[in-house]
C-alpha atoms as a PDB file:
ATOM      1  CA  UNK A   1       0.000   0.000   0.000  1.00  0.00           C
ATOM      2  CA  UNK A   2       1.424   3.331  -1.067  1.00  0.00           C
ATOM      3  CA  UNK A   3       1.310   6.236   1.326  1.00  0.00           C
ATOM      4  CA  UNK A   4       2.207   9.904   1.091  1.00  0.00           C
ATOM      5  CA  UNK A   5       5.496  11.266   2.323  1.00  0.00           C
ATOM      6  CA  UNK A   6       4.886  13.092   5.607  1.00  0.00           C
ATOM      7  CA  UNK A   7       6.355  16.460   4.556  1.00  0.00           C
ATOM      8  CA  UNK A   8       5.890  16.500   0.773  1.00  0.00           C
ATOM      9  CA  UNK A   9       2.987  18.944   0.842  1.00  0.00           C
ATOM     10  CA  UNK A  10       4.751  21.088   3.460  1.00  0.00           C
ATOM     11  CA  UNK A  11       7.875  21.313   1.299  1.00  0.00           C
ATOM     12  CA  UNK A  12       5.752  22.295  -1.704  1.00  0.00           C
ATOM     13  CA  UNK A  13       3.925  25.008   0.266  1.00  0.00           C
ATOM     14  CA  UNK A  14       7.180  26.339   1.720  1.00  0.00           C
ATOM     15  CA  UNK A  15       8.664  26.463  -1.777  1.00  0.00           C
ATOM     16  CA  UNK A  16       5.718  28.470  -3.077  1.00  0.00           C
ATOM     17  CA  UNK A  17       5.862  30.838  -0.088  1.00  0.00           C
ATOM     18  CA  UNK A  18       9.616  31.169  -0.600  1.00  0.00           C
ATOM     19  CA  UNK A  19       9.266  32.338  -4.210  1.00  0.00           C
ATOM     20  CA  UNK A  20       6.184  34.523  -3.693  1.00  0.00           C
ATOM     21  CA  UNK A  21       7.487  35.932  -0.420  1.00  0.00           C
ATOM     22  CA  UNK A  22      10.759  36.922  -2.016  1.00  0.00           C
ATOM     23  CA  UNK A  23       9.010  38.676  -4.878  1.00  0.00           C
ATOM     24  CA  UNK A  24       6.409  40.446  -2.735  1.00  0.00           C
ATOM     25  CA  UNK A  25       7.989  41.013   0.682  1.00  0.00           C
ATOM     26  CA  UNK A  26      11.715  40.686   1.194  1.00  0.00           C
ATOM     27  CA  UNK A  27      14.559  38.308   0.553  1.00  0.00           C
ATOM     28  CA  UNK A  28      14.524  37.129   4.152  1.00  0.00           C
ATOM     29  CA  UNK A  29      11.161  35.426   3.662  1.00  0.00           C
ATOM     30  CA  UNK A  30      12.578  33.465   0.739  1.00  0.00           C
ATOM     31  CA  UNK A  31      15.732  32.524   2.592  1.00  0.00           C
ATOM     32  CA  UNK A  32      13.955  31.356   5.743  1.00  0.00           C
ATOM     33  CA  UNK A  33      11.201  29.387   3.978  1.00  0.00           C
ATOM     34  CA  UNK A  34      13.687  27.966   1.480  1.00  0.00           C
ATOM     35  CA  UNK A  35      16.013  26.683   4.190  1.00  0.00           C
ATOM     36  CA  UNK A  36      13.168  25.166   6.215  1.00  0.00           C
ATOM     37  CA  UNK A  37      11.749  23.520   3.089  1.00  0.00           C
ATOM     38  CA  UNK A  38      15.129  22.058   2.096  1.00  0.00           C
ATOM     39  CA  UNK A  39      15.593  20.691   5.608  1.00  0.00           C
ATOM     40  CA  UNK A  40      12.202  18.952   5.477  1.00  0.00           C
ATOM     41  CA  UNK A  41      13.015  17.706   1.959  1.00  0.00           C
ATOM     42  CA  UNK A  42      16.154  16.049   3.271  1.00  0.00           C
ATOM     43  CA  UNK A  43      14.185  14.159   5.932  1.00  0.00           C
ATOM     44  CA  UNK A  44      11.607  12.875   3.446  1.00  0.00           C
ATOM     45  CA  UNK A  45      14.248  12.025   0.849  1.00  0.00           C
ATOM     46  CA  UNK A  46      15.864   9.664   3.367  1.00  0.00           C
ATOM     47  CA  UNK A  47      12.491   7.963   3.897  1.00  0.00           C
ATOM     48  CA  UNK A  48      11.882   7.701   0.156  1.00  0.00           C
ATOM     49  CA  UNK A  49      15.349   6.316  -0.585  1.00  0.00           C
ATOM     50  CA  UNK A  50      14.880   3.613   2.056  1.00  0.00           C
ATOM     51  CA  UNK A  51      11.736   2.279   0.355  1.00  0.00           C
ATOM     52  CA  UNK A  52      10.743   4.028  -2.903  1.00  0.00           C
ATOM     53  CA  UNK A  53       7.823   1.719  -3.671  1.00  0.00           C
ATOM     54  CA  UNK A  54       6.051   2.593  -0.448  1.00  0.00           C
ATOM     55  CA  UNK A  55       5.564   6.310  -1.207  1.00  0.00           C
ATOM     56  CA  UNK A  56       3.525   7.904  -3.976  1.00  0.00           C
ATOM     57  CA  UNK A  57       4.114  11.655  -3.987  1.00  0.00           C
ATOM     58  CA  UNK A  58       7.810  12.066  -4.645  1.00  0.00           C
ATOM     59  CA  UNK A  59       6.932  14.436  -7.502  1.00  0.00           C
ATOM     60  CA  UNK A  60       5.463  16.987  -5.066  1.00  0.00           C
ATOM     61  CA  UNK A  61       8.522  16.650  -2.871  1.00  0.00           C
ATOM     62  CA  UNK A  62      10.876  17.240  -5.783  1.00  0.00           C
ATOM     63  CA  UNK A  63       8.840  20.193  -7.097  1.00  0.00           C
ATOM     64  CA  UNK A  64       8.897  21.721  -3.621  1.00  0.00           C
ATOM     65  CA  UNK A  65      12.671  21.292  -3.475  1.00  0.00           C
ATOM     66  CA  UNK A  66      13.102  23.088  -6.793  1.00  0.00           C
ATOM     67  CA  UNK A  67      10.851  25.948  -5.646  1.00  0.00           C
ATOM     68  CA  UNK A  68      12.763  26.191  -2.355  1.00  0.00           C
ATOM     69  CA  UNK A  69      16.048  26.450  -4.240  1.00  0.00           C
ATOM     70  CA  UNK A  70      14.637  29.127  -6.570  1.00  0.00           C
ATOM     71  CA  UNK A  71      13.251  31.101  -3.601  1.00  0.00           C
ATOM     72  CA  UNK A  72      16.535  30.746  -1.728  1.00  0.00           C
ATOM     73  CA  UNK A  73      18.569  32.017  -4.682  1.00  0.00           C
ATOM     74  CA  UNK A  74      16.193  34.911  -5.341  1.00  0.00           C
ATOM     75  CA  UNK A  75      16.175  35.795  -1.643  1.00  0.00           C
ATOM     76  CA  UNK A  76      19.974  35.796  -1.471  1.00  0.00           C
ATOM     77  CA  UNK A  77      20.177  37.977  -4.574  1.00  0.00           C
ATOM     78  CA  UNK A  78      17.692  40.424  -3.095  1.00  0.00           C
ATOM     79  CA  UNK A  79      19.581  40.630   0.213  1.00  0.00           C
ATOM     80  CA  UNK A  80      22.917  41.113  -1.591  1.00  0.00           C
ATOM     81  CA  UNK A  81      21.351  43.876  -3.714  1.00  0.00           C
ATOM     82  CA  UNK A  82      19.960  45.572  -0.598  1.00  0.00           C
ATOM     83  CA  UNK A  83      23.361  45.458   1.144  1.00  0.00           C
ATOM     84  CA  UNK A  84      25.037  46.763  -2.026  1.00  0.00           C
ATOM     85  CA  UNK A  85      22.571  49.655  -2.241  1.00  0.00           C
ATOM     86  CA  UNK A  86      23.110  50.563   1.399  1.00  0.00           C
ATOM     87  CA  UNK A  87      26.888  50.393   0.970  1.00  0.00           C
ATOM     88  CA  UNK A  88      26.940  52.592  -2.129  1.00  0.00           C
ATOM     89  CA  UNK A  89      24.228  55.234  -1.622  1.00  0.00           C
ATOM     90  CA  UNK A  90      23.391  54.869   2.075  1.00  0.00           C
ATOM     91  CA  UNK A  91      19.999  54.740   3.737  1.00  0.00           C
ATOM     92  CA  UNK A  92      18.976  58.245   2.658  1.00  0.00           C
ATOM     93  CA  UNK A  93      19.827  57.563  -0.986  1.00  0.00           C
ATOM     94  CA  UNK A  94      17.954  54.263  -0.843  1.00  0.00           C
ATOM     95  CA  UNK A  95      14.847  55.900   0.611  1.00  0.00           C
ATOM     96  CA  UNK A  96      15.067  58.684  -1.983  1.00  0.00           C
ATOM     97  CA  UNK A  97      15.112  56.063  -4.726  1.00  0.00           C
ATOM     98  CA  UNK A  98      12.101  54.266  -3.206  1.00  0.00           C
ATOM     99  CA  UNK A  99      10.173  57.553  -2.931  1.00  0.00           C
ATOM    100  CA  UNK A 100      10.910  58.479  -6.552  1.00  0.00           C
ATOM    101  CA  UNK A 101       9.715  55.038  -7.696  1.00  0.00           C
ATOM    102  CA  UNK A 102       6.503  55.375  -5.705  1.00  0.00           C
ATOM    103  CA  UNK A 103       5.883  58.837  -7.199  1.00  0.00           C
ATOM    104  CA  UNK A 104       6.363  57.407 -10.702  1.00  0.00           C
ATOM    105  CA  UNK A 105       3.819  54.688  -9.963  1.00  0.00           C
ATOM    106  CA  UNK A 106       1.241  57.244  -8.818  1.00  0.00           C
ATOM    107  CA  UNK A 107       1.340  59.155 -12.086  1.00  0.00           C
ATOM    108  CA  UNK A 108      -0.060  56.309 -14.227  1.00  0.00           C
END
């Protein structure tokens, strides 16, 4: 009898949150959810490797892993960009850039 891996759906959800959270909120959301998802993937992968015929949803687990990796990479890139911006223009320059972008969006 095939059964579902215990964390496959959790890894998939964390991967989706990692990608969407990075795009909408900040890179830290992507990094945190991506790392948690990869940790849970590792646990389920050990279970699956021990007895592959017993589990049915390895595809969800693998898709979640890929999304976690994408979210982790995007989150790291966003954090590196933020640190670079703070190092080059400072907080005031960064906030000035954000304000000018928000004013441009209000004109449409």
